[in-house]
Amino acid sequence: MTDRELNACGFSVETIAAEYETDAALAEWPDSGRTFPPAGHYFHAAFRAEDEQRALDYAAAAATAKEARS
């Protein structure tokens, strides 16, 4: 059993919050839409955090599915 609650689409509130943070970080980049932020820009840390949250969601969904099959 996992304590991570997923919505009907399989996303947690933590992942959704991380997505907003990634979007906000990208919006801060003045050339957004034309160039990618350079290494060291906050966007990259936000994107890594979002990726980590997605991995936790995936693991929670897999654990829930495994539990359901038992």
Protein backbone atom coordinates (compact mmCIF):
# COMPACT_ATOMS: atom_id res chain seq x y z
CA MET A 1 0.00 0.00 0.00
CA THR A 2 1.25 3.47 -0.81
CA ASP A 3 0.45 6.74 0.90
CA ARG A 4 0.75 8.61 -2.38
CA GLU A 5 -2.72 9.53 -3.61
CA LEU A 6 -3.15 9.59 -7.37
CA ASN A 7 -5.99 11.25 -9.27
CA ALA A 8 -7.97 9.45 -11.98
CA CYS A 9 -5.21 10.27 -14.49
CA GLY A 10 -2.53 8.73 -12.25
CA PHE A 11 -0.92 11.96 -11.08
CA SER A 12 -0.35 13.09 -7.50
CA VAL A 13 -0.78 16.64 -6.26
CA GLU A 14 3.00 16.71 -5.81
CA THR A 15 3.53 16.05 -9.51
CA ILE A 16 0.97 18.65 -10.52
CA ALA A 17 2.66 21.21 -8.26
CA ALA A 18 6.04 20.31 -9.76
CA GLU A 19 4.61 20.81 -13.27
CA TYR A 20 3.47 24.30 -12.31
CA GLU A 21 6.91 25.05 -10.88
CA THR A 22 8.58 23.85 -14.09
CA ASP A 23 6.23 25.97 -16.20
CA ALA A 24 6.87 29.02 -14.02
CA ALA A 25 10.64 28.53 -14.20
CA LEU A 26 10.49 28.27 -17.98
CA ALA A 27 8.30 31.37 -18.20
CA GLU A 28 11.01 33.31 -16.32
CA TRP A 29 13.45 32.63 -19.15
CA PRO A 30 13.35 35.75 -21.38
CA ASP A 31 13.90 33.79 -24.59
CA SER A 32 11.26 31.21 -23.75
CA GLY A 33 9.88 29.72 -26.94
CA ARG A 34 13.03 30.48 -28.92
CA THR A 35 15.93 29.05 -26.93
CA PHE A 36 16.33 26.59 -24.09
CA PRO A 37 17.54 27.92 -20.72
CA PRO A 38 21.27 27.34 -20.12
CA ALA A 39 22.58 24.82 -17.60
CA GLY A 40 22.31 26.29 -14.14
CA HIS A 41 18.98 28.02 -14.83
CA TYR A 42 16.34 27.12 -12.25
CA PHE A 43 14.27 25.42 -14.95
CA HIS A 44 16.62 22.43 -15.00
CA ALA A 45 16.27 21.82 -11.25
CA ALA A 46 12.50 22.20 -11.49
CA PHE A 47 12.35 19.78 -14.40
CA ARG A 48 14.43 17.20 -12.48
CA ALA A 49 12.10 17.56 -9.49
CA GLU A 50 9.08 17.05 -11.75
CA ASP A 51 10.72 13.96 -13.21
CA GLU A 52 11.31 12.58 -9.71
CA GLN A 53 7.66 13.16 -8.79
CA ARG A 54 6.51 11.37 -11.96
CA ALA A 55 8.73 8.40 -11.06
CA LEU A 56 7.15 8.26 -7.59
CA ASP A 57 3.68 8.37 -9.17
CA TYR A 58 4.64 5.53 -11.49
CA ALA A 59 5.93 3.45 -8.57
CA ALA A 60 2.74 4.13 -6.57
CA ALA A 61 0.55 3.14 -9.52
CA ALA A 62 2.57 -0.04 -10.04
CA ALA A 63 2.31 -0.94 -6.34
CA THR A 64 -1.44 -0.33 -6.38
CA ALA A 65 -1.86 -2.49 -9.49
CA LYS A 66 0.24 -5.26 -7.95
CA GLU A 67 -1.88 -5.09 -4.78
CA ALA A 68 -5.08 -5.30 -6.82
CA ARG A 69 -3.85 -8.46 -8.56
CA SER A 70 -3.08 -10.16 -5.22
